[in-house]
Amino acid sequence: MPGSYTILPDRGLVYVRYEGHITLDEAQAMFLDYTRNPDSHPGQKQLIDLSRVTNWERDFIKLMRMQAEKAAVFLGDRSDFMMILYAPTPRTQEVGRHFVASWEGVPGMVVSLQHDEAGALAILGQPETRIDDLLADAEGVNAEST
């Protein structure tokens, strides 16, 4: 698997972390798993962490097709959707630029590439300045509600 995702339902946010070499088939499998999760729903903001990516499959046609399928799920009957990509290094920023470009022209999609964690979290309206703190705070909330 190229990574993992964590749904933070109390925040209306999904944290997705990709690692190593991303293949589009593995990314699609992870997305399909997300769509089957009972906590997933249209309109959840996405924080995509590319900081651990070393390489990726460069099949632009397949990527565009995949993004079109995702748009239907992400938007649902909503008119807008926000996705923030965190890419701190030149290599991950290259990947991020391609991901952002694949969403160009999709109505309702707001996609931004950010180079630092604090900026990415601020755009999403989160009070933390580090992703690890976001996840730790979310775990604490989930542990309290059980």
Protein backbone atom coordinates (compact mmCIF):
# COMPACT_ATOMS: atom_id res chain seq x y z
CA MET A 1 0.00 0.00 0.00
CA PRO A 2 1.33 3.45 -0.86
CA GLY A 3 0.12 4.93 2.38
CA SER A 4 -2.79 5.26 4.72
CA TYR A 5 -5.67 7.50 5.67
CA THR A 6 -7.24 8.61 8.93
CA ILE A 7 -10.73 10.07 9.05
CA LEU A 8 -11.17 12.75 11.70
CA PRO A 9 -14.98 12.95 11.72
CA ASP A 10 -15.20 15.59 14.46
CA ARG A 11 -13.15 17.92 12.25
CA GLY A 12 -14.67 17.03 8.88
CA LEU A 13 -11.16 16.13 7.76
CA VAL A 14 -9.34 13.20 6.22
CA TYR A 15 -5.57 12.89 6.63
CA VAL A 16 -3.96 10.89 3.81
CA ARG A 17 -0.28 9.95 3.94
CA TYR A 18 1.53 8.56 0.91
CA GLU A 19 4.90 6.85 1.28
CA GLY A 20 7.65 5.53 -0.94
CA HIS A 21 6.80 4.87 -4.59
CA ILE A 22 3.15 5.68 -5.30
CA THR A 23 1.41 3.52 -7.87
CA LEU A 24 -1.95 4.66 -9.13
CA ASP A 25 -3.53 1.21 -8.70
CA GLU A 26 -2.54 1.17 -5.02
CA ALA A 27 -3.75 4.74 -4.56
CA GLN A 28 -7.06 3.80 -6.20
CA ALA A 29 -7.40 0.77 -3.89
CA MET A 30 -6.86 3.02 -0.87
CA PHE A 31 -9.47 5.47 -2.19
CA LEU A 32 -12.01 2.68 -2.69
CA ASP A 33 -11.37 1.52 0.88
CA TYR A 34 -12.03 5.08 2.05
CA THR A 35 -15.35 5.22 0.15
CA ARG A 36 -16.49 2.07 1.98
CA ASN A 37 -15.61 3.45 5.40
CA PRO A 38 -18.74 4.40 7.36
CA ASP A 39 -17.06 7.65 8.52
CA SER A 40 -16.43 8.87 4.96
CA HIS A 41 -18.82 11.32 3.32
CA PRO A 42 -18.79 13.97 0.59
CA GLY A 43 -17.43 17.33 1.61
CA GLN A 44 -14.76 16.12 4.03
CA LYS A 45 -11.66 18.24 3.57
CA GLN A 46 -8.53 16.34 2.62
CA LEU A 47 -5.00 16.87 3.91
CA ILE A 48 -2.66 14.94 1.62
CA ASP A 49 0.80 14.41 3.13
CA LEU A 50 3.38 13.78 0.41
CA SER A 51 6.41 14.28 2.68
CA ARG A 52 7.42 10.60 2.57
CA VAL A 53 7.03 10.10 -1.19
CA THR A 54 10.17 9.00 -3.03
CA ASN A 55 8.69 8.47 -6.51
CA TRP A 56 5.39 8.02 -8.32
CA GLU A 57 3.85 6.39 -11.36
CA ARG A 58 3.70 8.94 -14.16
CA ASP A 59 0.62 7.83 -16.07
CA PHE A 60 -1.11 11.17 -16.58
CA ILE A 61 -4.13 9.81 -18.43
CA LYS A 62 -4.79 7.26 -15.71
CA LEU A 63 -4.29 9.96 -13.06
CA MET A 64 -6.81 12.27 -14.76
CA ARG A 65 -9.36 9.45 -15.02
CA MET A 66 -8.86 8.61 -11.34
CA GLN A 67 -9.30 12.23 -10.28
CA ALA A 68 -12.57 12.49 -12.23
CA GLU A 69 -13.92 9.47 -10.32
CA LYS A 70 -12.77 10.98 -7.02
CA ALA A 71 -14.42 14.33 -7.78
CA ALA A 72 -17.84 12.68 -7.90
CA VAL A 73 -17.29 11.18 -4.44
CA PHE A 74 -15.62 14.21 -2.87
CA LEU A 75 -18.18 16.71 -4.10
CA GLY A 76 -21.37 14.65 -3.85
CA ASP A 77 -24.16 17.24 -4.05
CA ARG A 78 -21.90 19.97 -2.63
CA SER A 79 -20.64 22.84 -4.74
CA ASP A 80 -17.10 22.94 -3.33
CA PHE A 81 -14.41 20.74 -1.89
CA MET A 82 -11.01 21.53 -0.34
CA MET A 83 -7.83 19.49 -0.69
CA ILE A 84 -4.50 20.65 0.69
CA LEU A 85 -1.30 18.89 -0.33
CA TYR A 86 1.68 19.11 2.03
CA ALA A 87 4.95 18.74 0.11
CA PRO A 88 8.05 20.06 1.94
CA THR A 89 10.84 19.04 -0.46
CA PRO A 90 11.59 19.74 -4.13
CA ARG A 91 10.87 16.08 -5.00
CA THR A 92 7.52 16.03 -3.19
CA GLN A 93 6.62 19.46 -4.58
CA GLU A 94 7.06 18.05 -8.10
CA VAL A 95 4.61 15.28 -7.26
CA GLY A 96 2.27 17.81 -5.66
CA ARG A 97 2.31 20.07 -8.73
CA HIS A 98 1.17 17.16 -10.90
CA PHE A 99 -1.60 16.29 -8.46
CA VAL A 100 -2.76 19.92 -8.39
CA ALA A 101 -2.66 20.11 -12.20
CA SER A 102 -4.80 16.98 -12.44
CA TRP A 103 -7.61 18.86 -10.62
CA GLU A 104 -7.46 21.98 -12.82
CA GLY A 105 -10.75 22.68 -14.53
CA VAL A 106 -12.78 20.51 -12.15
CA PRO A 107 -15.62 22.75 -10.95
CA GLY A 108 -15.84 23.08 -7.18
CA MET A 109 -12.38 21.73 -6.43
CA VAL A 110 -10.16 23.96 -4.32
CA VAL A 111 -6.67 22.45 -4.29
CA SER A 112 -3.56 24.05 -2.79
CA LEU A 113 0.05 22.91 -2.55
CA GLN A 114 1.74 23.92 0.70
CA HIS A 115 5.40 23.61 1.67
CA ASP A 116 5.03 23.70 5.45
CA GLU A 117 2.77 21.92 7.92
CA ALA A 118 1.60 25.04 9.75
CA GLY A 119 0.42 26.66 6.51
CA ALA A 120 -1.38 23.53 5.36
CA LEU A 121 -3.16 23.16 8.69
CA ALA A 122 -4.05 26.86 8.88
CA ILE A 123 -5.75 26.79 5.48
CA LEU A 124 -7.83 23.86 6.72
CA GLY A 125 -8.82 25.84 9.81
CA GLN A 126 -6.94 23.59 12.23
CA PRO A 127 -5.35 25.11 15.35
CA GLU A 128 -2.29 22.83 15.36
CA THR A 129 0.94 23.72 13.58
CA ARG A 130 2.19 20.13 13.19
CA ILE A 131 0.42 17.13 11.66
CA ASP A 132 1.57 14.86 14.50
CA ASP A 133 -0.17 17.20 16.96
CA LEU A 134 -3.35 17.16 14.86
CA LEU A 135 -3.41 13.37 14.89
CA ALA A 136 -2.59 13.18 18.62
CA ASP A 137 -5.35 15.69 19.46
CA ALA A 138 -7.83 13.76 17.31
CA GLU A 139 -6.88 10.48 19.03
CA GLY A 140 -7.47 12.12 22.40
CA VAL A 141 -10.95 13.28 21.35
CA ASN A 142 -11.81 9.85 19.97
CA ALA A 143 -10.55 8.14 23.13
CA GLU A 144 -12.70 10.44 25.29
CA SER A 145 -15.84 9.68 23.31
CA THR A 146 -15.55 5.90 23.70
